[in-house]
Amino acid sequence: YFKIGLVYILFLLIIISGIFLAKIGR
């Protein structure tokens, strides 16, 4: 469960950092 949770947390961090990149523009 730790391994599964870790991957999902990392996936969430990818999405969050991607949203920040989209918000700041070009």
PDB file of all heavy atoms in Angstrom:
ATOM      1  N   TYR A   1       0.823  -1.205   0.000  1.00  0.00           N
ATOM      2  CA  TYR A   1       0.000   0.000   0.000  1.00  0.00           C
ATOM      3  C   TYR A   1       0.861   1.261   0.000  1.00  0.00           C
ATOM      4  O   TYR A   1       0.499   2.265  -0.602  1.00  0.00           O
ATOM      5  CB  TYR A   1      -0.954   0.008   1.193  1.00  0.00           C
ATOM      6  CG  TYR A   1      -2.032  -1.038   1.105  1.00  0.00           C
ATOM      7  CD1 TYR A   1      -2.260  -1.908   2.164  1.00  0.00           C
ATOM      8  CD2 TYR A   1      -2.809  -1.174  -0.043  1.00  0.00           C
ATOM      9  CE1 TYR A   1      -3.251  -2.878   2.085  1.00  0.00           C
ATOM     10  CE2 TYR A   1      -3.790  -2.139  -0.134  1.00  0.00           C
ATOM     11  CZ  TYR A   1      -4.010  -2.987   0.926  1.00  0.00           C
ATOM     12  OH  TYR A   1      -4.981  -3.935   0.837  1.00  0.00           O
ATOM     13  N   PHE A   2       1.999   1.201   0.670  1.00  0.00           N
ATOM     14  CA  PHE A   2       2.916   2.336   0.669  1.00  0.00           C
ATOM     15  C   PHE A   2       3.413   2.625  -0.744  1.00  0.00           C
ATOM     16  O   PHE A   2       3.453   3.780  -1.171  1.00  0.00           O
ATOM     17  CB  PHE A   2       4.106   2.063   1.603  1.00  0.00           C
ATOM     18  CG  PHE A   2       5.175   3.108   1.517  1.00  0.00           C
ATOM     19  CD1 PHE A   2       5.015   4.338   2.128  1.00  0.00           C
ATOM     20  CD2 PHE A   2       6.341   2.861   0.801  1.00  0.00           C
ATOM     21  CE1 PHE A   2       5.998   5.309   2.034  1.00  0.00           C
ATOM     22  CE2 PHE A   2       7.332   3.827   0.703  1.00  0.00           C
ATOM     23  CZ  PHE A   2       7.163   5.059   1.321  1.00  0.00           C
ATOM     24  N   LYS A   3       3.803   1.583  -1.470  1.00  0.00           N
ATOM     25  CA  LYS A   3       4.304   1.755  -2.830  1.00  0.00           C
ATOM     26  C   LYS A   3       3.222   2.327  -3.743  1.00  0.00           C
ATOM     27  O   LYS A   3       3.486   3.232  -4.544  1.00  0.00           O
ATOM     28  CB  LYS A   3       4.805   0.416  -3.386  1.00  0.00           C
ATOM     29  CG  LYS A   3       6.074  -0.060  -2.729  1.00  0.00           C
ATOM     30  CD  LYS A   3       6.469  -1.428  -3.242  1.00  0.00           C
ATOM     31  CE  LYS A   3       7.730  -1.917  -2.571  1.00  0.00           C
ATOM     32  NZ  LYS A   3       8.149  -3.235  -3.040  1.00  0.00           N
ATOM     33  N   ILE A   4       2.022   1.803  -3.636  1.00  0.00           N
ATOM     34  CA  ILE A   4       0.915   2.302  -4.456  1.00  0.00           C
ATOM     35  C   ILE A   4       0.634   3.761  -4.104  1.00  0.00           C
ATOM     36  O   ILE A   4       0.495   4.612  -4.994  1.00  0.00           O
ATOM     37  CB  ILE A   4      -0.344   1.428  -4.257  1.00  0.00           C
ATOM     38  CG1 ILE A   4      -0.104   0.025  -4.812  1.00  0.00           C
ATOM     39  CG2 ILE A   4      -1.557   2.071  -4.933  1.00  0.00           C
ATOM     40  CD1 ILE A   4      -1.168  -0.986  -4.440  1.00  0.00           C
ATOM     41  N   GLY A   5       0.584   4.060  -2.815  1.00  0.00           N
ATOM     42  CA  GLY A   5       0.330   5.429  -2.376  1.00  0.00           C
ATOM     43  C   GLY A   5       1.415   6.393  -2.820  1.00  0.00           C
ATOM     44  O   GLY A   5       1.128   7.522  -3.239  1.00  0.00           O
ATOM     45  N   LEU A   6       2.663   5.955  -2.765  1.00  0.00           N
ATOM     46  CA  LEU A   6       3.782   6.795  -3.189  1.00  0.00           C
ATOM     47  C   LEU A   6       3.652   7.189  -4.657  1.00  0.00           C
ATOM     48  O   LEU A   6       3.837   8.354  -5.015  1.00  0.00           O
ATOM     49  CB  LEU A   6       5.109   6.067  -2.948  1.00  0.00           C
ATOM     50  CG  LEU A   6       6.367   6.804  -3.389  1.00  0.00           C
ATOM     51  CD1 LEU A   6       6.554   8.089  -2.598  1.00  0.00           C
ATOM     52  CD2 LEU A   6       7.578   5.902  -3.251  1.00  0.00           C
ATOM     53  N   VAL A   7       3.332   6.235  -5.489  1.00  0.00           N
ATOM     54  CA  VAL A   7       3.196   6.527  -6.921  1.00  0.00           C
ATOM     55  C   VAL A   7       2.044   7.509  -7.161  1.00  0.00           C
ATOM     56  O   VAL A   7       2.172   8.448  -7.949  1.00  0.00           O
ATOM     57  CB  VAL A   7       3.006   5.230  -7.741  1.00  0.00           C
ATOM     58  CG1 VAL A   7       2.602   5.537  -9.168  1.00  0.00           C
ATOM     59  CG2 VAL A   7       4.282   4.412  -7.717  1.00  0.00           C
ATOM     60  N   TYR A   8       0.934   7.335  -6.463  1.00  0.00           N
ATOM     61  CA  TYR A   8      -0.191   8.252  -6.645  1.00  0.00           C
ATOM     62  C   TYR A   8       0.125   9.652  -6.117  1.00  0.00           C
ATOM     63  O   TYR A   8      -0.289  10.647  -6.711  1.00  0.00           O
ATOM     64  CB  TYR A   8      -1.468   7.691  -6.014  1.00  0.00           C
ATOM     65  CG  TYR A   8      -2.086   6.610  -6.862  1.00  0.00           C
ATOM     66  CD1 TYR A   8      -2.112   5.293  -6.422  1.00  0.00           C
ATOM     67  CD2 TYR A   8      -2.609   6.896  -8.112  1.00  0.00           C
ATOM     68  CE1 TYR A   8      -2.665   4.292  -7.214  1.00  0.00           C
ATOM     69  CE2 TYR A   8      -3.163   5.903  -8.909  1.00  0.00           C
ATOM     70  CZ  TYR A   8      -3.182   4.605  -8.448  1.00  0.00           C
ATOM     71  OH  TYR A   8      -3.725   3.627  -9.241  1.00  0.00           O
ATOM     72  N   ILE A   9       0.901   9.738  -5.041  1.00  0.00           N
ATOM     73  CA  ILE A   9       1.312  11.062  -4.536  1.00  0.00           C
ATOM     74  C   ILE A   9       2.250  11.735  -5.534  1.00  0.00           C
ATOM     75  O   ILE A   9       2.113  12.933  -5.818  1.00  0.00           O
ATOM     76  CB  ILE A   9       1.976  10.928  -3.145  1.00  0.00           C
ATOM     77  CG1 ILE A   9       0.919  10.582  -2.098  1.00  0.00           C
ATOM     78  CG2 ILE A   9       2.714  12.211  -2.765  1.00  0.00           C
ATOM     79  CD1 ILE A   9       1.488  10.183  -0.748  1.00  0.00           C
ATOM     80  N   LEU A  10       3.188  10.979  -6.087  1.00  0.00           N
ATOM     81  CA  LEU A  10       4.081  11.537  -7.109  1.00  0.00           C
ATOM     82  C   LEU A  10       3.290  11.994  -8.337  1.00  0.00           C
ATOM     83  O   LEU A  10       3.568  13.052  -8.906  1.00  0.00           O
ATOM     84  CB  LEU A  10       5.145  10.505  -7.502  1.00  0.00           C
ATOM     85  CG  LEU A  10       6.227  10.219  -6.470  1.00  0.00           C
ATOM     86  CD1 LEU A  10       7.066   9.019  -6.904  1.00  0.00           C
ATOM     87  CD2 LEU A  10       7.092  11.435  -6.243  1.00  0.00           C
ATOM     88  N   PHE A  11       2.312  11.203  -8.726  1.00  0.00           N
ATOM     89  CA  PHE A  11       1.469  11.561  -9.873  1.00  0.00           C
ATOM     90  C   PHE A  11       0.728  12.871  -9.585  1.00  0.00           C
ATOM     91  O   PHE A  11       0.631  13.745 -10.444  1.00  0.00           O
ATOM     92  CB  PHE A  11       0.485  10.420 -10.162  1.00  0.00           C
ATOM     93  CG  PHE A  11      -0.189  10.514 -11.490  1.00  0.00           C
ATOM     94  CD1 PHE A  11       0.488  10.155 -12.647  1.00  0.00           C
ATOM     95  CD2 PHE A  11      -1.488  10.952 -11.600  1.00  0.00           C
ATOM     96  CE1 PHE A  11      -0.124  10.234 -13.884  1.00  0.00           C
ATOM     97  CE2 PHE A  11      -2.114  11.032 -12.827  1.00  0.00           C
ATOM     98  CZ  PHE A  11      -1.431  10.672 -13.977  1.00  0.00           C
ATOM     99  N   LEU A  12       0.231  13.017  -8.381  1.00  0.00           N
ATOM    100  CA  LEU A  12      -0.451  14.246  -7.978  1.00  0.00           C
ATOM    101  C   LEU A  12       0.504  15.437  -8.009  1.00  0.00           C
ATOM    102  O   LEU A  12       0.127  16.531  -8.452  1.00  0.00           O
ATOM    103  CB  LEU A  12      -1.051  14.069  -6.582  1.00  0.00           C
ATOM    104  CG  LEU A  12      -1.842  15.233  -6.023  1.00  0.00           C
ATOM    105  CD1 LEU A  12      -3.080  15.501  -6.884  1.00  0.00           C
ATOM    106  CD2 LEU A  12      -2.263  14.941  -4.594  1.00  0.00           C
ATOM    107  N   LEU A  13       1.746  15.239  -7.576  1.00  0.00           N
ATOM    108  CA  LEU A  13       2.745  16.312  -7.634  1.00  0.00           C
ATOM    109  C   LEU A  13       3.063  16.722  -9.068  1.00  0.00           C
ATOM    110  O   LEU A  13       3.302  17.903  -9.341  1.00  0.00           O
ATOM    111  CB  LEU A  13       4.018  15.888  -6.903  1.00  0.00           C
ATOM    112  CG  LEU A  13       3.912  15.776  -5.384  1.00  0.00           C
ATOM    113  CD1 LEU A  13       5.201  15.201  -4.803  1.00  0.00           C
ATOM    114  CD2 LEU A  13       3.586  17.121  -4.768  1.00  0.00           C
ATOM    115  N   ILE A  14       3.059  15.762  -9.983  1.00  0.00           N
ATOM    116  CA  ILE A  14       3.253  16.089 -11.400  1.00  0.00           C
ATOM    117  C   ILE A  14       2.128  17.009 -11.866  1.00  0.00           C
ATOM    118  O   ILE A  14       2.366  18.020 -12.538  1.00  0.00           O
ATOM    119  CB  ILE A  14       3.279  14.821 -12.279  1.00  0.00           C
ATOM    120  CG1 ILE A  14       4.486  13.970 -11.994  1.00  0.00           C
ATOM    121  CG2 ILE A  14       3.251  15.198 -13.768  1.00  0.00           C
ATOM    122  CD1 ILE A  14       4.442  12.611 -12.652  1.00  0.00           C
ATOM    123  N   ILE A  15       0.910  16.656 -11.523  1.00  0.00           N
ATOM    124  CA  ILE A  15      -0.244  17.450 -11.948  1.00  0.00           C
ATOM    125  C   ILE A  15      -0.194  18.845 -11.334  1.00  0.00           C
ATOM    126  O   ILE A  15      -0.421  19.845 -12.030  1.00  0.00           O
ATOM    127  CB  ILE A  15      -1.557  16.721 -11.595  1.00  0.00           C
ATOM    128  CG1 ILE A  15      -1.683  15.466 -12.466  1.00  0.00           C
ATOM    129  CG2 ILE A  15      -2.766  17.624 -11.791  1.00  0.00           C
ATOM    130  CD1 ILE A  15      -2.798  14.541 -12.090  1.00  0.00           C
ATOM    131  N   ILE A  16       0.139  18.935 -10.058  1.00  0.00           N
ATOM    132  CA  ILE A  16       0.208  20.239  -9.397  1.00  0.00           C
ATOM    133  C   ILE A  16       1.291  21.120 -10.027  1.00  0.00           C
ATOM    134  O   ILE A  16       1.050  22.295 -10.327  1.00  0.00           O
ATOM    135  CB  ILE A  16       0.449  20.072  -7.877  1.00  0.00           C
ATOM    136  CG1 ILE A  16      -0.790  19.473  -7.223  1.00  0.00           C
ATOM    137  CG2 ILE A  16       0.821  21.401  -7.226  1.00  0.00           C
ATOM    138  CD1 ILE A  16      -0.577  19.019  -5.786  1.00  0.00           C
ATOM    139  N   SER A  17       2.468  20.561 -10.262  1.00  0.00           N
ATOM    140  CA  SER A  17       3.535  21.354 -10.885  1.00  0.00           C
ATOM    141  C   SER A  17       3.170  21.728 -12.320  1.00  0.00           C
ATOM    142  O   SER A  17       3.502  22.828 -12.784  1.00  0.00           O
ATOM    143  CB  SER A  17       4.874  20.617 -10.829  1.00  0.00           C
ATOM    144  OG  SER A  17       4.834  19.412 -11.570  1.00  0.00           O
ATOM    145  N   GLY A  18       2.460  20.860 -13.013  1.00  0.00           N
ATOM    146  CA  GLY A  18       1.993  21.177 -14.363  1.00  0.00           C
ATOM    147  C   GLY A  18       0.981  22.316 -14.364  1.00  0.00           C
ATOM    148  O   GLY A  18       0.995  23.180 -15.248  1.00  0.00           O
ATOM    149  N   ILE A  19       0.106  22.331 -13.365  1.00  0.00           N
ATOM    150  CA  ILE A  19      -0.870  23.421 -13.254  1.00  0.00           C
ATOM    151  C   ILE A  19      -0.149  24.740 -12.991  1.00  0.00           C
ATOM    152  O   ILE A  19      -0.488  25.769 -13.592  1.00  0.00           O
ATOM    153  CB  ILE A  19      -1.902  23.111 -12.139  1.00  0.00           C
ATOM    154  CG1 ILE A  19      -2.814  21.972 -12.592  1.00  0.00           C
ATOM    155  CG2 ILE A  19      -2.722  24.348 -11.788  1.00  0.00           C
ATOM    156  CD1 ILE A  19      -3.714  21.412 -11.502  1.00  0.00           C
ATOM    157  N   PHE A  20       0.871  24.710 -12.119  1.00  0.00           N
ATOM    158  CA  PHE A  20       1.655  25.928 -11.889  1.00  0.00           C
ATOM    159  C   PHE A  20       2.313  26.412 -13.175  1.00  0.00           C
ATOM    160  O   PHE A  20       2.325  27.609 -13.463  1.00  0.00           O
ATOM    161  CB  PHE A  20       2.719  25.703 -10.811  1.00  0.00           C
ATOM    162  CG  PHE A  20       2.208  25.832  -9.417  1.00  0.00           C
ATOM    163  CD1 PHE A  20       2.312  24.759  -8.540  1.00  0.00           C
ATOM    164  CD2 PHE A  20       1.629  27.003  -8.961  1.00  0.00           C
ATOM    165  CE1 PHE A  20       1.849  24.860  -7.244  1.00  0.00           C
ATOM    166  CE2 PHE A  20       1.158  27.120  -7.660  1.00  0.00           C
ATOM    167  CZ  PHE A  20       1.261  26.042  -6.799  1.00  0.00           C
ATOM    168  N   LEU A  21       2.861  25.493 -13.950  1.00  0.00           N
ATOM    169  CA  LEU A  21       3.480  25.868 -15.222  1.00  0.00           C
ATOM    170  C   LEU A  21       2.466  26.481 -16.176  1.00  0.00           C
ATOM    171  O   LEU A  21       2.759  27.453 -16.871  1.00  0.00           O
ATOM    172  CB  LEU A  21       4.151  24.653 -15.877  1.00  0.00           C
ATOM    173  CG  LEU A  21       5.471  24.208 -15.272  1.00  0.00           C
ATOM    174  CD1 LEU A  21       5.909  22.891 -15.884  1.00  0.00           C
ATOM    175  CD2 LEU A  21       6.524  25.276 -15.467  1.00  0.00           C
ATOM    176  N   ALA A  22       1.273  25.921 -16.220  1.00  0.00           N
ATOM    177  CA  ALA A  22       0.234  26.456 -17.102  1.00  0.00           C
ATOM    178  C   ALA A  22      -0.204  27.853 -16.656  1.00  0.00           C
ATOM    179  O   ALA A  22      -0.488  28.715 -17.489  1.00  0.00           O
ATOM    180  CB  ALA A  22      -0.963  25.513 -17.131  1.00  0.00           C
ATOM    181  N   LYS A  23      -0.247  28.075 -15.356  1.00  0.00           N
ATOM    182  CA  LYS A  23      -0.698  29.367 -14.822  1.00  0.00           C
ATOM    183  C   LYS A  23       0.293  30.493 -15.088  1.00  0.00           C
ATOM    184  O   LYS A  23      -0.111  31.621 -15.290  1.00  0.00           O
ATOM    185  CB  LYS A  23      -0.961  29.273 -13.313  1.00  0.00           C
ATOM    186  CG  LYS A  23      -2.081  28.350 -12.938  1.00  0.00           C
ATOM    187  CD  LYS A  23      -3.408  28.966 -13.209  1.00  0.00           C
ATOM    188  CE  LYS A  23      -4.495  28.022 -12.712  1.00  0.00           C
ATOM    189  NZ  LYS A  23      -5.742  28.238 -13.369  1.00  0.00           N
ATOM    190  N   ILE A  24       1.598  30.179 -15.077  1.00  0.00           N
ATOM    191  CA  ILE A  24       2.581  31.250 -15.247  1.00  0.00           C
ATOM    192  C   ILE A  24       2.792  31.637 -16.700  1.00  0.00           C
ATOM    193  O   ILE A  24       3.404  32.649 -16.983  1.00  0.00           O
ATOM    194  CB  ILE A  24       3.934  30.904 -14.582  1.00  0.00           C
ATOM    195  CG1 ILE A  24       4.554  29.661 -15.193  1.00  0.00           C
ATOM    196  CG2 ILE A  24       3.794  30.796 -13.099  1.00  0.00           C
ATOM    197  CD1 ILE A  24       5.927  29.329 -14.664  1.00  0.00           C
ATOM    198  N   GLY A  25       2.288  30.854 -17.623  1.00  0.00           N
ATOM    199  CA  GLY A  25       2.350  31.247 -19.035  1.00  0.00           C
ATOM    200  C   GLY A  25       3.626  30.834 -19.732  1.00  0.00           C
ATOM    201  O   GLY A  25       4.371  29.985 -19.282  1.00  0.00           O
ATOM    202  N   ARG A  26       3.891  31.496 -20.852  1.00  0.00           N
ATOM    203  CA  ARG A  26       4.947  31.076 -21.771  1.00  0.00           C
ATOM    204  C   ARG A  26       6.356  31.252 -21.246  1.00  0.00           C
ATOM    205  O   ARG A  26       7.236  30.495 -21.603  1.00  0.00           O
ATOM    206  CB  ARG A  26       4.824  31.859 -23.077  1.00  0.00           C
ATOM    207  CG  ARG A  26       4.339  31.167 -24.291  1.00  0.00           C
ATOM    208  CD  ARG A  26       4.385  29.704 -24.408  1.00  0.00           C
ATOM    209  NE  ARG A  26       5.679  29.061 -24.342  1.00  0.00           N
ATOM    210  CZ  ARG A  26       5.865  27.775 -24.226  1.00  0.00           C
ATOM    211  NH1 ARG A  26       4.861  26.958 -24.150  1.00  0.00           N
ATOM    212  NH2 ARG A  26       7.053  27.258 -24.172  1.00  0.00           N
TER     213      ARG A  26
END
